[in-house]
Amino acid sequence: MTTSVPPVTEPDASAMTCPGDQVGPCATCQRKAHKYGRVGCPLCQWCMAPAMEKWGPGVPLHQPAP
């Protein structure tokens, strides 16, 4: 059973469980999601699913610090 993806105006569940200063836009759809730190490249759960299919469980979540 698949669920439909809510509109991007609705935040990812991860954004609701972390401090406000750790919330930022999903790198793909711009939905509010957990940033995973200052240099993280966040993906909401709906954008993460295809990335994990392509990259496996080792999908890169972080970008190197500048």
C-alpha atoms as a PDB file:
ATOM      1  CA  MET A   1       0.000   0.000   0.000  1.00  0.00           C
ATOM      2  CA  THR A   2       1.415   3.378  -0.947  1.00  0.00           C
ATOM      3  CA  THR A   3       0.441   6.695   0.516  1.00  0.00           C
ATOM      4  CA  SER A   4       0.251   9.848  -1.519  1.00  0.00           C
ATOM      5  CA  VAL A   5       2.875  12.505  -0.986  1.00  0.00           C
ATOM      6  CA  PRO A   6       1.417  15.511   0.839  1.00  0.00           C
ATOM      7  CA  PRO A   7       1.936  19.003  -0.590  1.00  0.00           C
ATOM      8  CA  VAL A   8       5.364  20.530   0.039  1.00  0.00           C
ATOM      9  CA  THR A   9       3.719  23.102   2.284  1.00  0.00           C
ATOM     10  CA  GLU A  10       3.397  20.328   4.890  1.00  0.00           C
ATOM     11  CA  PRO A  11       6.673  19.701   6.759  1.00  0.00           C
ATOM     12  CA  ASP A  12       8.337  16.310   7.024  1.00  0.00           C
ATOM     13  CA  ALA A  13       7.727  14.585  10.362  1.00  0.00           C
ATOM     14  CA  SER A  14      11.442  14.972  11.158  1.00  0.00           C
ATOM     15  CA  ALA A  15      11.025  18.769  11.211  1.00  0.00           C
ATOM     16  CA  MET A  16       8.444  18.495  13.946  1.00  0.00           C
ATOM     17  CA  THR A  17      10.702  16.513  16.275  1.00  0.00           C
ATOM     18  CA  CYS A  18      13.870  18.633  16.195  1.00  0.00           C
ATOM     19  CA  PRO A  19      14.759  22.114  17.499  1.00  0.00           C
ATOM     20  CA  GLY A  20      13.707  24.961  15.207  1.00  0.00           C
ATOM     21  CA  ASP A  21      17.298  25.960  14.438  1.00  0.00           C
ATOM     22  CA  GLN A  22      17.833  22.507  12.916  1.00  0.00           C
ATOM     23  CA  VAL A  23      14.960  22.802  10.417  1.00  0.00           C
ATOM     24  CA  GLY A  24      15.711  23.676   6.812  1.00  0.00           C
ATOM     25  CA  PRO A  25      14.482  23.000   3.288  1.00  0.00           C
ATOM     26  CA  CYS A  26      14.732  19.559   1.709  1.00  0.00           C
ATOM     27  CA  ALA A  27      17.515  19.648  -0.863  1.00  0.00           C
ATOM     28  CA  THR A  28      15.144  18.350  -3.543  1.00  0.00           C
ATOM     29  CA  CYS A  29      11.590  19.609  -2.938  1.00  0.00           C
ATOM     30  CA  GLN A  30      12.227  22.439  -0.438  1.00  0.00           C
ATOM     31  CA  ARG A  31       9.821  20.907   2.152  1.00  0.00           C
ATOM     32  CA  LYS A  32      10.826  21.708   5.762  1.00  0.00           C
ATOM     33  CA  ALA A  33      12.973  18.842   7.105  1.00  0.00           C
ATOM     34  CA  HIS A  34      15.651  18.144   9.733  1.00  0.00           C
ATOM     35  CA  LYS A  35      18.936  19.736   8.532  1.00  0.00           C
ATOM     36  CA  TYR A  36      21.318  17.156  10.081  1.00  0.00           C
ATOM     37  CA  GLY A  37      23.692  19.857  11.337  1.00  0.00           C
ATOM     38  CA  ARG A  38      25.085  23.033   9.784  1.00  0.00           C
ATOM     39  CA  VAL A  39      26.475  21.473   6.596  1.00  0.00           C
ATOM     40  CA  GLY A  40      23.912  18.724   6.146  1.00  0.00           C
ATOM     41  CA  CYS A  41      22.063  18.182   2.931  1.00  0.00           C
ATOM     42  CA  PRO A  42      18.600  17.240   4.170  1.00  0.00           C
ATOM     43  CA  LEU A  43      16.129  15.113   2.334  1.00  0.00           C
ATOM     44  CA  CYS A  44      12.541  14.678   3.447  1.00  0.00           C
ATOM     45  CA  GLN A  45      11.268  11.121   3.745  1.00  0.00           C
ATOM     46  CA  TRP A  46       9.654  11.253   0.288  1.00  0.00           C
ATOM     47  CA  CYS A  47      12.841  12.443  -1.464  1.00  0.00           C
ATOM     48  CA  MET A  48      14.985  10.065   0.621  1.00  0.00           C
ATOM     49  CA  ALA A  49      13.146   6.956  -0.651  1.00  0.00           C
ATOM     50  CA  PRO A  50      14.282   7.215  -4.314  1.00  0.00           C
ATOM     51  CA  ALA A  51      17.784   8.238  -3.182  1.00  0.00           C
ATOM     52  CA  MET A  52      18.036   5.122  -1.011  1.00  0.00           C
ATOM     53  CA  GLU A  53      16.839   2.980  -3.931  1.00  0.00           C
ATOM     54  CA  LYS A  54      19.653   4.404  -6.041  1.00  0.00           C
ATOM     55  CA  TRP A  55      22.431   4.577  -3.434  1.00  0.00           C
ATOM     56  CA  GLY A  56      21.350   1.986  -0.844  1.00  0.00           C
ATOM     57  CA  PRO A  57      21.461   2.573   2.904  1.00  0.00           C
ATOM     58  CA  GLY A  58      24.744   4.481   2.494  1.00  0.00           C
ATOM     59  CA  VAL A  59      23.025   7.407   0.787  1.00  0.00           C
ATOM     60  CA  PRO A  60      25.150  10.494   1.491  1.00  0.00           C
ATOM     61  CA  LEU A  61      23.343  12.691   4.013  1.00  0.00           C
ATOM     62  CA  HIS A  62      26.091  15.206   4.576  1.00  0.00           C
ATOM     63  CA  GLN A  63      28.139  17.504   2.407  1.00  0.00           C
ATOM     64  CA  PRO A  64      31.734  18.181   3.378  1.00  0.00           C
ATOM     65  CA  ALA A  65      32.359  21.372   5.314  1.00  0.00           C
ATOM     66  CA  PRO A  66      33.621  24.286   3.156  1.00  0.00           C
END
